[in-house]
């Protein structure tokens, strides 16, 4: 399993198996557009950096809290706006792991 990138580490303890798997999957599949330090993911562009932002600028989950059900909805439906996020970027148990991870670790930073 991938555990590090961009000079950082995934911060989810290995004894939290489902959340750890979700963090690794989030890093692999979601970090190009979304940020969440616990997964060593820094894809969200800082607000105000580019006027209007970028089309691929996904929510920063350090500050945005998400519920498990909302994460699963977004995964299955290509986000909430249907703009650019691919639907079913992870499926089955992998989607469940990402949803568990995000619901536990999102919204804790600044």
PDB file of N, CA and C in Angstrom:
ATOM      1  N   UNK A   1       0.833  -1.200   0.000  1.00  0.00           N
ATOM      2  CA  UNK A   1       0.000   0.000   0.000  1.00  0.00           C
ATOM      3  C   UNK A   1       0.865   1.246   0.000  1.00  0.00           C
ATOM      4  N   UNK A   2       0.414   2.225  -0.733  1.00  0.00           N
ATOM      5  CA  UNK A   2       1.085   3.500  -0.793  1.00  0.00           C
ATOM      6  C   UNK A   2       0.882   4.236   0.521  1.00  0.00           C
ATOM      7  N   UNK A   3       1.945   4.780   1.073  1.00  0.00           N
ATOM      8  CA  UNK A   3       1.791   5.443   2.364  1.00  0.00           C
ATOM      9  C   UNK A   3       2.318   6.867   2.384  1.00  0.00           C
ATOM     10  N   UNK A   4       3.050   7.290   1.383  1.00  0.00           N
ATOM     11  CA  UNK A   4       3.613   8.632   1.438  1.00  0.00           C
ATOM     12  C   UNK A   4       3.692   9.232   0.049  1.00  0.00           C
ATOM     13  N   UNK A   5       3.725  10.542   0.021  1.00  0.00           N
ATOM     14  CA  UNK A   5       3.872  11.268  -1.226  1.00  0.00           C
ATOM     15  C   UNK A   5       4.049  12.728  -0.918  1.00  0.00           C
ATOM     16  N   UNK A   6       4.646  13.464  -1.836  1.00  0.00           N
ATOM     17  CA  UNK A   6       4.865  14.898  -1.667  1.00  0.00           C
ATOM     18  C   UNK A   6       5.553  15.216  -0.348  1.00  0.00           C
ATOM     19  N   UNK A   7       6.411  14.333   0.110  1.00  0.00           N
ATOM     20  CA  UNK A   7       7.173  14.601   1.310  1.00  0.00           C
ATOM     21  C   UNK A   7       6.427  14.399   2.609  1.00  0.00           C
ATOM     22  N   UNK A   8       5.234  13.858   2.582  1.00  0.00           N
ATOM     23  CA  UNK A   8       4.460  13.658   3.796  1.00  0.00           C
ATOM     24  C   UNK A   8       4.041  12.221   3.956  1.00  0.00           C
ATOM     25  N   UNK A   9       3.279  11.980   4.978  1.00  0.00           N
ATOM     26  CA  UNK A   9       2.792  10.639   5.268  1.00  0.00           C
ATOM     27  C   UNK A   9       1.288  10.671   5.493  1.00  0.00           C
ATOM     28  N   UNK A  10       0.670   9.549   5.244  1.00  0.00           N
ATOM     29  CA  UNK A  10      -0.721   9.382   5.613  1.00  0.00           C
ATOM     30  C   UNK A  10      -0.767   9.281   7.131  1.00  0.00           C
ATOM     31  N   UNK A  11      -1.638  10.064   7.764  1.00  0.00           N
ATOM     32  CA  UNK A  11      -1.652  10.203   9.218  1.00  0.00           C
ATOM     33  C   UNK A  11      -2.597   9.247   9.931  1.00  0.00           C
ATOM     34  N   UNK A  12      -3.290   8.397   9.202  1.00  0.00           N
ATOM     35  CA  UNK A  12      -4.242   7.477   9.819  1.00  0.00           C
ATOM     36  C   UNK A  12      -3.478   6.271  10.358  1.00  0.00           C
ATOM     37  N   UNK A  13      -3.642   5.952  11.636  1.00  0.00           N
ATOM     38  CA  UNK A  13      -2.920   4.816  12.213  1.00  0.00           C
ATOM     39  C   UNK A  13      -3.249   3.498  11.501  1.00  0.00           C
ATOM     40  N   UNK A  14      -2.265   2.624  11.410  1.00  0.00           N
ATOM     41  CA  UNK A  14      -2.448   1.347  10.709  1.00  0.00           C
ATOM     42  C   UNK A  14      -3.436   0.435  11.415  1.00  0.00           C
ATOM     43  N   UNK A  15      -3.673   0.651  12.716  1.00  0.00           N
ATOM     44  CA  UNK A  15      -4.644  -0.197  13.416  1.00  0.00           C
ATOM     45  C   UNK A  15      -6.095   0.188  13.094  1.00  0.00           C
ATOM     46  N   UNK A  16      -6.305   1.321  12.445  1.00  0.00           N
ATOM     47  CA  UNK A  16      -7.620   1.713  11.952  1.00  0.00           C
ATOM     48  C   UNK A  16      -7.709   1.252  10.488  1.00  0.00           C
ATOM     49  N   UNK A  17      -7.854  -0.052  10.298  1.00  0.00           N
ATOM     50  CA  UNK A  17      -7.692  -0.665   8.982  1.00  0.00           C
ATOM     51  C   UNK A  17      -8.591  -0.081   7.900  1.00  0.00           C
ATOM     52  N   UNK A  18      -9.873   0.092   8.164  1.00  0.00           N
ATOM     53  CA  UNK A  18     -10.779   0.603   7.139  1.00  0.00           C
ATOM     54  C   UNK A  18     -10.469   2.066   6.824  1.00  0.00           C
ATOM     55  N   UNK A  19     -10.285   2.883   7.861  1.00  0.00           N
ATOM     56  CA  UNK A  19      -9.967   4.292   7.639  1.00  0.00           C
ATOM     57  C   UNK A  19      -8.618   4.440   6.945  1.00  0.00           C
ATOM     58  N   UNK A  20      -7.658   3.610   7.301  1.00  0.00           N
ATOM     59  CA  UNK A  20      -6.332   3.654   6.665  1.00  0.00           C
ATOM     60  C   UNK A  20      -6.454   3.300   5.180  1.00  0.00           C
ATOM     61  N   UNK A  21      -7.213   2.252   4.874  1.00  0.00           N
ATOM     62  CA  UNK A  21      -7.434   1.873   3.478  1.00  0.00           C
ATOM     63  C   UNK A  21      -8.108   3.030   2.733  1.00  0.00           C
ATOM     64  N   UNK A  22      -9.093   3.661   3.364  1.00  0.00           N
ATOM     65  CA  UNK A  22      -9.773   4.800   2.753  1.00  0.00           C
ATOM     66  C   UNK A  22      -8.832   5.961   2.504  1.00  0.00           C
ATOM     67  N   UNK A  23      -7.920   6.215   3.434  1.00  0.00           N
ATOM     68  CA  UNK A  23      -6.945   7.297   3.271  1.00  0.00           C
ATOM     69  C   UNK A  23      -6.013   7.021   2.099  1.00  0.00           C
ATOM     70  N   UNK A  24      -5.554   5.792   1.980  1.00  0.00           N
ATOM     71  CA  UNK A  24      -4.667   5.418   0.869  1.00  0.00           C
ATOM     72  C   UNK A  24      -5.406   5.569  -0.458  1.00  0.00           C
ATOM     73  N   UNK A  25      -6.650   5.084  -0.513  1.00  0.00           N
ATOM     74  CA  UNK A  25      -7.447   5.218  -1.734  1.00  0.00           C
ATOM     75  C   UNK A  25      -7.722   6.685  -2.050  1.00  0.00           C
ATOM     76  N   UNK A  26      -8.018   7.486  -1.024  1.00  0.00           N
ATOM     77  CA  UNK A  26      -8.240   8.915  -1.224  1.00  0.00           C
ATOM     78  C   UNK A  26      -6.983   9.548  -1.811  1.00  0.00           C
ATOM     79  N   UNK A  27      -5.835   9.208  -1.275  1.00  0.00           N
ATOM     80  CA  UNK A  27      -4.573   9.739  -1.792  1.00  0.00           C
ATOM     81  C   UNK A  27      -4.385   9.348  -3.263  1.00  0.00           C
ATOM     82  N   UNK A  28      -4.644   8.094  -3.571  1.00  0.00           N
ATOM     83  CA  UNK A  28      -4.433   7.594  -4.930  1.00  0.00           C
ATOM     84  C   UNK A  28      -5.435   8.143  -5.936  1.00  0.00           C
ATOM     85  N   UNK A  29      -6.694   8.272  -5.542  1.00  0.00           N
ATOM     86  CA  UNK A  29      -7.761   8.575  -6.505  1.00  0.00           C
ATOM     87  C   UNK A  29      -8.312   9.994  -6.430  1.00  0.00           C
ATOM     88  N   UNK A  30      -8.110  10.682  -5.293  1.00  0.00           N
ATOM     89  CA  UNK A  30      -8.816  11.943  -5.076  1.00  0.00           C
ATOM     90  C   UNK A  30      -7.900  13.146  -4.858  1.00  0.00           C
ATOM     91  N   UNK A  31      -6.623  12.911  -4.584  1.00  0.00           N
ATOM     92  CA  UNK A  31      -5.734  13.994  -4.174  1.00  0.00           C
ATOM     93  C   UNK A  31      -5.369  14.961  -5.290  1.00  0.00           C
ATOM     94  N   UNK A  32      -5.697  14.637  -6.529  1.00  0.00           N
ATOM     95  CA  UNK A  32      -5.451  15.572  -7.617  1.00  0.00           C
ATOM     96  C   UNK A  32      -6.347  16.797  -7.551  1.00  0.00           C
ATOM     97  N   UNK A  33      -7.506  16.651  -6.914  1.00  0.00           N
ATOM     98  CA  UNK A  33      -8.481  17.741  -6.856  1.00  0.00           C
ATOM     99  C   UNK A  33      -8.887  18.139  -5.439  1.00  0.00           C
ATOM    100  N   UNK A  34      -8.675  17.256  -4.468  1.00  0.00           N
ATOM    101  CA  UNK A  34      -9.122  17.510  -3.096  1.00  0.00           C
ATOM    102  C   UNK A  34      -7.941  17.511  -2.137  1.00  0.00           C
ATOM    103  N   UNK A  35      -8.091  18.254  -1.045  1.00  0.00           N
ATOM    104  CA  UNK A  35      -7.084  18.286   0.014  1.00  0.00           C
ATOM    105  C   UNK A  35      -7.628  17.654   1.285  1.00  0.00           C
ATOM    106  N   UNK A  36      -6.770  16.926   1.960  1.00  0.00           N
ATOM    107  CA  UNK A  36      -7.038  16.410   3.298  1.00  0.00           C
ATOM    108  C   UNK A  36      -5.709  15.930   3.857  1.00  0.00           C
ATOM    109  N   UNK A  37      -5.181  16.668   4.811  1.00  0.00           N
ATOM    110  CA  UNK A  37      -3.854  16.386   5.353  1.00  0.00           C
ATOM    111  C   UNK A  37      -3.714  14.965   5.866  1.00  0.00           C
ATOM    112  N   UNK A  38      -4.751  14.402   6.463  1.00  0.00           N
ATOM    113  CA  UNK A  38      -4.668  13.048   7.008  1.00  0.00           C
ATOM    114  C   UNK A  38      -4.326  12.025   5.935  1.00  0.00           C
ATOM    115  N   UNK A  39      -4.616  12.347   4.663  1.00  0.00           N
ATOM    116  CA  UNK A  39      -4.302  11.448   3.548  1.00  0.00           C
ATOM    117  C   UNK A  39      -3.109  11.957   2.747  1.00  0.00           C
ATOM    118  N   UNK A  40      -2.424  12.984   3.239  1.00  0.00           N
ATOM    119  CA  UNK A  40      -1.299  13.577   2.529  1.00  0.00           C
ATOM    120  C   UNK A  40      -1.747  14.067   1.144  1.00  0.00           C
ATOM    121  N   UNK A  41      -2.944  14.624   1.074  1.00  0.00           N
ATOM    122  CA  UNK A  41      -3.541  15.072  -0.181  1.00  0.00           C
ATOM    123  C   UNK A  41      -3.645  16.593  -0.193  1.00  0.00           C
ATOM    124  N   UNK A  42      -3.139  17.223  -1.249  1.00  0.00           N
ATOM    125  CA  UNK A  42      -3.100  18.683  -1.327  1.00  0.00           C
ATOM    126  C   UNK A  42      -3.532  19.188  -2.700  1.00  0.00           C
ATOM    127  N   UNK A  43      -4.652  18.677  -3.205  1.00  0.00           N
ATOM    128  CA  UNK A  43      -5.100  19.020  -4.549  1.00  0.00           C
ATOM    129  C   UNK A  43      -5.964  20.257  -4.655  1.00  0.00           C
ATOM    130  N   UNK A  44      -6.614  20.688  -3.581  1.00  0.00           N
ATOM    131  CA  UNK A  44      -7.458  21.893  -3.645  1.00  0.00           C
ATOM    132  C   UNK A  44      -6.559  23.111  -3.743  1.00  0.00           C
ATOM    133  N   UNK A  45      -6.916  23.999  -4.627  1.00  0.00           N
ATOM    134  CA  UNK A  45      -6.151  25.239  -4.761  1.00  0.00           C
ATOM    135  C   UNK A  45      -6.610  26.200  -3.670  1.00  0.00           C
ATOM    136  N   UNK A  46      -5.695  26.974  -3.099  1.00  0.00           N
ATOM    137  CA  UNK A  46      -6.110  27.944  -2.077  1.00  0.00           C
ATOM    138  C   UNK A  46      -7.128  28.917  -2.641  1.00  0.00           C
ATOM    139  N   UNK A  47      -8.148  29.222  -1.842  1.00  0.00           N
ATOM    140  CA  UNK A  47      -9.172  30.160  -2.280  1.00  0.00           C
ATOM    141  C   UNK A  47      -8.532  31.502  -2.577  1.00  0.00           C
ATOM    142  N   UNK A  48      -8.997  32.130  -3.642  1.00  0.00           N
ATOM    143  CA  UNK A  48      -8.484  33.440  -4.012  1.00  0.00           C
ATOM    144  C   UNK A  48      -7.226  33.378  -4.856  1.00  0.00           C
ATOM    145  N   UNK A  49      -6.651  32.192  -5.046  1.00  0.00           N
ATOM    146  CA  UNK A  49      -5.432  32.073  -5.831  1.00  0.00           C
ATOM    147  C   UNK A  49      -5.693  32.394  -7.292  1.00  0.00           C
ATOM    148  N   UNK A  50      -6.749  31.825  -7.823  1.00  0.00           N
ATOM    149  CA  UNK A  50      -7.120  32.058  -9.216  1.00  0.00           C
ATOM    150  C   UNK A  50      -8.538  32.597  -9.240  1.00  0.00           C
ATOM    151  N   UNK A  51      -8.726  33.688  -9.960  1.00  0.00           N
ATOM    152  CA  UNK A  51     -10.068  34.255 -10.025  1.00  0.00           C
ATOM    153  C   UNK A  51     -11.022  33.225 -10.622  1.00  0.00           C
ATOM    154  N   UNK A  52     -12.066  32.926  -9.898  1.00  0.00           N
ATOM    155  CA  UNK A  52     -13.023  31.933 -10.350  1.00  0.00           C
ATOM    156  C   UNK A  52     -12.584  30.511 -10.068  1.00  0.00           C
ATOM    157  N   UNK A  53     -11.383  30.312  -9.579  1.00  0.00           N
ATOM    158  CA  UNK A  53     -10.881  28.977  -9.292  1.00  0.00           C
ATOM    159  C   UNK A  53     -10.617  28.194 -10.567  1.00  0.00           C
ATOM    160  N   UNK A  54     -10.302  26.943 -10.405  1.00  0.00           N
ATOM    161  CA  UNK A  54     -10.085  26.068 -11.543  1.00  0.00           C
ATOM    162  C   UNK A  54     -11.206  25.060 -11.598  1.00  0.00           C
ATOM    163  N   UNK A  55     -11.484  24.568 -12.760  1.00  0.00           N
ATOM    164  CA  UNK A  55     -12.553  23.592 -12.933  1.00  0.00           C
ATOM    165  C   UNK A  55     -12.306  22.352 -12.078  1.00  0.00           C
ATOM    166  N   UNK A  56     -11.055  21.963 -11.902  1.00  0.00           N
ATOM    167  CA  UNK A  56     -10.735  20.760 -11.131  1.00  0.00           C
ATOM    168  C   UNK A  56     -10.486  21.033  -9.654  1.00  0.00           C
ATOM    169  N   UNK A  57     -10.777  22.228  -9.197  1.00  0.00           N
ATOM    170  CA  UNK A  57     -10.549  22.575  -7.800  1.00  0.00           C
ATOM    171  C   UNK A  57     -11.677  22.011  -6.947  1.00  0.00           C
ATOM    172  N   UNK A  58     -11.425  20.859  -6.309  1.00  0.00           N
ATOM    173  CA  UNK A  58     -12.420  20.222  -5.461  1.00  0.00           C
ATOM    174  C   UNK A  58     -12.389  20.777  -4.049  1.00  0.00           C
ATOM    175  N   UNK A  59     -13.395  20.476  -3.260  1.00  0.00           N
ATOM    176  CA  UNK A  59     -13.452  20.959  -1.880  1.00  0.00           C
ATOM    177  C   UNK A  59     -12.233  20.533  -1.053  1.00  0.00           C
ATOM    178  N   UNK A  60     -11.853  21.417  -0.169  1.00  0.00           N
ATOM    179  CA  UNK A  60     -10.779  21.157   0.788  1.00  0.00           C
ATOM    180  C   UNK A  60     -11.420  20.502   2.007  1.00  0.00           C
ATOM    181  N   UNK A  61     -11.179  19.214   2.181  1.00  0.00           N
ATOM    182  CA  UNK A  61     -11.814  18.480   3.271  1.00  0.00           C
ATOM    183  C   UNK A  61     -11.121  18.670   4.615  1.00  0.00           C
ATOM    184  N   UNK A  62     -10.065  19.469   4.663  1.00  0.00           N
ATOM    185  CA  UNK A  62      -9.527  19.868   5.955  1.00  0.00           C
ATOM    186  C   UNK A  62     -10.542  20.757   6.676  1.00  0.00           C
ATOM    187  N   UNK A  63     -11.266  21.562   5.896  1.00  0.00           N
ATOM    188  CA  UNK A  63     -12.222  22.494   6.479  1.00  0.00           C
ATOM    189  C   UNK A  63     -13.674  22.091   6.245  1.00  0.00           C
ATOM    190  N   UNK A  64     -13.926  21.324   5.237  1.00  0.00           N
ATOM    191  CA  UNK A  64     -15.304  20.921   4.914  1.00  0.00           C
ATOM    192  C   UNK A  64     -15.601  19.547   5.500  1.00  0.00           C
ATOM    193  N   UNK A  65     -16.549  19.491   6.404  1.00  0.00           N
ATOM    194  CA  UNK A  65     -16.966  18.238   7.042  1.00  0.00           C
ATOM    195  C   UNK A  65     -17.989  17.547   6.159  1.00  0.00           C
ATOM    196  N   UNK A  66     -17.854  16.231   6.010  1.00  0.00           N
ATOM    197  CA  UNK A  66     -18.794  15.448   5.208  1.00  0.00           C
ATOM    198  C   UNK A  66     -19.273  14.239   5.997  1.00  0.00           C
ATOM    199  N   UNK A  67     -20.530  13.893   5.791  1.00  0.00           N
ATOM    200  CA  UNK A  67     -21.076  12.681   6.395  1.00  0.00           C
ATOM    201  C   UNK A  67     -20.784  11.494   5.481  1.00  0.00           C
ATOM    202  N   UNK A  68     -20.844  10.315   6.036  1.00  0.00           N
ATOM    203  CA  UNK A  68     -20.611   9.085   5.277  1.00  0.00           C
ATOM    204  C   UNK A  68     -21.588   8.971   4.107  1.00  0.00           C
ATOM    205  N   UNK A  69     -22.865   9.235   4.361  1.00  0.00           N
ATOM    206  CA  UNK A  69     -23.879   9.138   3.309  1.00  0.00           C
ATOM    207  C   UNK A  69     -23.637  10.144   2.188  1.00  0.00           C
ATOM    208  N   UNK A  70     -23.237  11.363   2.544  1.00  0.00           N
ATOM    209  CA  UNK A  70     -22.955  12.370   1.519  1.00  0.00           C
ATOM    210  C   UNK A  70     -21.739  11.985   0.677  1.00  0.00           C
ATOM    211  N   UNK A  71     -20.733  11.412   1.313  1.00  0.00           N
ATOM    212  CA  UNK A  71     -19.550  10.966   0.566  1.00  0.00           C
ATOM    213  C   UNK A  71     -19.942   9.870  -0.420  1.00  0.00           C
ATOM    214  N   UNK A  72     -20.712   8.904   0.031  1.00  0.00           N
ATOM    215  CA  UNK A  72     -21.143   7.831  -0.872  1.00  0.00           C
ATOM    216  C   UNK A  72     -21.978   8.380  -2.024  1.00  0.00           C
ATOM    217  N   UNK A  73     -22.862   9.348  -1.745  1.00  0.00           N
ATOM    218  CA  UNK A  73     -23.642   9.971  -2.808  1.00  0.00           C
ATOM    219  C   UNK A  73     -22.708  10.610  -3.837  1.00  0.00           C
ATOM    220  N   UNK A  74     -21.735  11.384  -3.370  1.00  0.00           N
ATOM    221  CA  UNK A  74     -20.809  12.074  -4.275  1.00  0.00           C
ATOM    222  C   UNK A  74     -19.986  11.086  -5.098  1.00  0.00           C
ATOM    223  N   UNK A  75     -19.518  10.026  -4.466  1.00  0.00           N
ATOM    224  CA  UNK A  75     -18.741   9.018  -5.187  1.00  0.00           C
ATOM    225  C   UNK A  75     -19.585   8.393  -6.294  1.00  0.00           C
ATOM    226  N   UNK A  76     -20.796   8.045  -5.982  1.00  0.00           N
ATOM    227  CA  UNK A  76     -21.663   7.352  -6.946  1.00  0.00           C
ATOM    228  C   UNK A  76     -22.153   8.265  -8.067  1.00  0.00           C
ATOM    229  N   UNK A  77     -22.263   9.560  -7.789  1.00  0.00           N
ATOM    230  CA  UNK A  77     -22.898  10.477  -8.730  1.00  0.00           C
ATOM    231  C   UNK A  77     -21.970  11.531  -9.324  1.00  0.00           C
ATOM    232  N   UNK A  78     -20.688  11.387  -9.138  1.00  0.00           N
ATOM    233  CA  UNK A  78     -19.771  12.382  -9.693  1.00  0.00           C
ATOM    234  C   UNK A  78     -19.830  13.708  -8.974  1.00  0.00           C
ATOM    235  N   UNK A  79     -19.799  13.654  -7.656  1.00  0.00           N
ATOM    236  CA  UNK A  79     -19.866  14.866  -6.842  1.00  0.00           C
ATOM    237  C   UNK A  79     -21.298  15.309  -6.635  1.00  0.00           C
ATOM    238  N   UNK A  80     -21.470  16.561  -6.226  1.00  0.00           N
ATOM    239  CA  UNK A  80     -22.808  17.092  -6.000  1.00  0.00           C
ATOM    240  C   UNK A  80     -23.291  17.909  -7.189  1.00  0.00           C
ATOM    241  N   UNK A  81     -22.357  18.491  -7.928  1.00  0.00           N
ATOM    242  CA  UNK A  81     -22.748  19.315  -9.074  1.00  0.00           C
ATOM    243  C   UNK A  81     -22.671  18.538 -10.385  1.00  0.00           C
ATOM    244  N   UNK A  82     -22.014  17.387 -10.358  1.00  0.00           N
ATOM    245  CA  UNK A  82     -21.863  16.607 -11.581  1.00  0.00           C
ATOM    246  C   UNK A  82     -20.932  17.258 -12.584  1.00  0.00           C
ATOM    247  N   UNK A  83     -20.118  18.210 -12.111  1.00  0.00           N
ATOM    248  CA  UNK A  83     -19.258  18.970 -13.003  1.00  0.00           C
ATOM    249  C   UNK A  83     -18.092  18.209 -13.588  1.00  0.00           C
ATOM    250  N   UNK A  84     -17.200  17.715 -12.759  1.00  0.00           N
ATOM    251  CA  UNK A  84     -15.992  17.111 -13.289  1.00  0.00           C
ATOM    252  C   UNK A  84     -15.594  15.826 -12.574  1.00  0.00           C
ATOM    253  N   UNK A  85     -16.035  15.629 -11.357  1.00  0.00           N
ATOM    254  CA  UNK A  85     -15.644  14.427 -10.626  1.00  0.00           C
ATOM    255  C   UNK A  85     -16.223  13.189 -11.319  1.00  0.00           C
ATOM    256  N   UNK A  86     -15.370  12.216 -11.601  1.00  0.00           N
ATOM    257  CA  UNK A  86     -15.903  11.010 -12.240  1.00  0.00           C
ATOM    258  C   UNK A  86     -16.771  10.214 -11.274  1.00  0.00           C
ATOM    259  N   UNK A  87     -17.893   9.749 -11.751  1.00  0.00           N
ATOM    260  CA  UNK A  87     -18.748   8.881 -10.937  1.00  0.00           C
ATOM    261  C   UNK A  87     -18.036   7.564 -10.717  1.00  0.00           C
ATOM    262  N   UNK A  88     -18.256   6.970  -9.570  1.00  0.00           N
ATOM    263  CA  UNK A  88     -17.688   5.663  -9.241  1.00  0.00           C
ATOM    264  C   UNK A  88     -16.168   5.630  -9.351  1.00  0.00           C
ATOM    265  N   UNK A  89     -15.520   6.691  -8.876  1.00  0.00           N
ATOM    266  CA  UNK A  89     -14.057   6.739  -8.870  1.00  0.00           C
ATOM    267  C   UNK A  89     -13.497   5.607  -7.989  1.00  0.00           C
ATOM    268  N   UNK A  90     -14.276   5.185  -7.017  1.00  0.00           N
ATOM    269  CA  UNK A  90     -14.051   3.963  -6.245  1.00  0.00           C
ATOM    270  C   UNK A  90     -15.419   3.297  -6.085  1.00  0.00           C
ATOM    271  N   UNK A  91     -15.443   1.992  -5.971  1.00  0.00           N
ATOM    272  CA  UNK A  91     -16.716   1.268  -5.865  1.00  0.00           C
ATOM    273  C   UNK A  91     -16.638   0.214  -4.766  1.00  0.00           C
ATOM    274  N   UNK A  92     -17.800  -0.310  -4.407  1.00  0.00           N
ATOM    275  CA  UNK A  92     -17.880  -1.417  -3.462  1.00  0.00           C
ATOM    276  C   UNK A  92     -17.241  -1.112  -2.125  1.00  0.00           C
ATOM    277  N   UNK A  93     -16.454  -2.074  -1.627  1.00  0.00           N
ATOM    278  CA  UNK A  93     -15.795  -1.907  -0.333  1.00  0.00           C
ATOM    279  C   UNK A  93     -14.816  -0.742  -0.330  1.00  0.00           C
ATOM    280  N   UNK A  94     -14.214  -0.448  -1.485  1.00  0.00           N
ATOM    281  CA  UNK A  94     -13.306   0.696  -1.564  1.00  0.00           C
ATOM    282  C   UNK A  94     -14.065   2.000  -1.332  1.00  0.00           C
ATOM    283  N   UNK A  95     -15.245   2.133  -1.920  1.00  0.00           N
ATOM    284  CA  UNK A  95     -16.059   3.335  -1.709  1.00  0.00           C
ATOM    285  C   UNK A  95     -16.463   3.457  -0.241  1.00  0.00           C
ATOM    286  N   UNK A  96     -16.820   2.339   0.359  1.00  0.00           N
ATOM    287  CA  UNK A  96     -17.182   2.335   1.784  1.00  0.00           C
ATOM    288  C   UNK A  96     -15.998   2.793   2.641  1.00  0.00           C
ATOM    289  N   UNK A  97     -14.799   2.339   2.304  1.00  0.00           N
ATOM    290  CA  UNK A  97     -13.605   2.718   3.067  1.00  0.00           C
ATOM    291  C   UNK A  97     -13.317   4.210   2.937  1.00  0.00           C
ATOM    292  N   UNK A  98     -13.437   4.749   1.727  1.00  0.00           N
ATOM    293  CA  UNK A  98     -13.219   6.189   1.528  1.00  0.00           C
ATOM    294  C   UNK A  98     -14.275   6.988   2.297  1.00  0.00           C
ATOM    295  N   UNK A  99     -15.527   6.549   2.252  1.00  0.00           N
ATOM    296  CA  UNK A  99     -16.595   7.247   2.980  1.00  0.00           C
ATOM    297  C   UNK A  99     -16.352   7.207   4.484  1.00  0.00           C
ATOM    298  N   UNK A 100     -15.929   6.061   5.002  1.00  0.00           N
ATOM    299  CA  UNK A 100     -15.628   5.962   6.438  1.00  0.00           C
ATOM    300  C   UNK A 100     -14.481   6.900   6.812  1.00  0.00           C
ATOM    301  N   UNK A 101     -13.443   6.904   5.989  1.00  0.00           N
ATOM    302  CA  UNK A 101     -12.291   7.767   6.241  1.00  0.00           C
ATOM    303  C   UNK A 101     -12.699   9.240   6.227  1.00  0.00           C
ATOM    304  N   UNK A 102     -13.374   9.674   5.179  1.00  0.00           N
ATOM    305  CA  UNK A 102     -13.748  11.084   5.070  1.00  0.00           C
ATOM    306  C   UNK A 102     -14.684  11.514   6.178  1.00  0.00           C
ATOM    307  N   UNK A 103     -15.641  10.688   6.528  1.00  0.00           N
ATOM    308  CA  UNK A 103     -16.582  11.074   7.582  1.00  0.00           C
ATOM    309  C   UNK A 103     -15.873  11.216   8.931  1.00  0.00           C
ATOM    310  N   UNK A 104     -14.814  10.469   9.119  1.00  0.00           N
ATOM    311  CA  UNK A 104     -14.070  10.530  10.383  1.00  0.00           C
ATOM    312  C   UNK A 104     -13.041  11.659  10.416  1.00  0.00           C
ATOM    313  N   UNK A 105     -12.377  11.927   9.298  1.00  0.00           N
ATOM    314  CA  UNK A 105     -11.241  12.834   9.288  1.00  0.00           C
ATOM    315  C   UNK A 105     -11.509  14.199   8.648  1.00  0.00           C
ATOM    316  N   UNK A 106     -12.606  14.381   7.942  1.00  0.00           N
ATOM    317  CA  UNK A 106     -12.848  15.678   7.301  1.00  0.00           C
ATOM    318  C   UNK A 106     -13.299  16.715   8.323  1.00  0.00           C
ATOM    319  N   UNK A 107     -13.033  17.975   7.968  1.00  0.00           N
ATOM    320  CA  UNK A 107     -13.498  19.098   8.782  1.00  0.00           C
ATOM    321  C   UNK A 107     -12.761  19.340  10.062  1.00  0.00           C
ATOM    322  N   UNK A 108     -11.545  18.857  10.185  1.00  0.00           N
ATOM    323  CA  UNK A 108     -10.805  19.010  11.451  1.00  0.00           C
ATOM    324  C   UNK A 108      -9.710  20.066  11.397  1.00  0.00           C
ATOM    325  N   UNK A 109      -9.466  20.632  10.234  1.00  0.00           N
ATOM    326  CA  UNK A 109      -8.353  21.574  10.111  1.00  0.00           C
ATOM    327  C   UNK A 109      -8.831  22.960   9.772  1.00  0.00           C
ATOM    328  N   UNK A 110      -7.888  23.738   9.255  1.00  0.00           N
ATOM    329  CA  UNK A 110      -8.221  25.115   8.859  1.00  0.00           C
ATOM    330  C   UNK A 110      -7.911  25.355   7.420  1.00  0.00           C
TER     331      UNK A 110
END
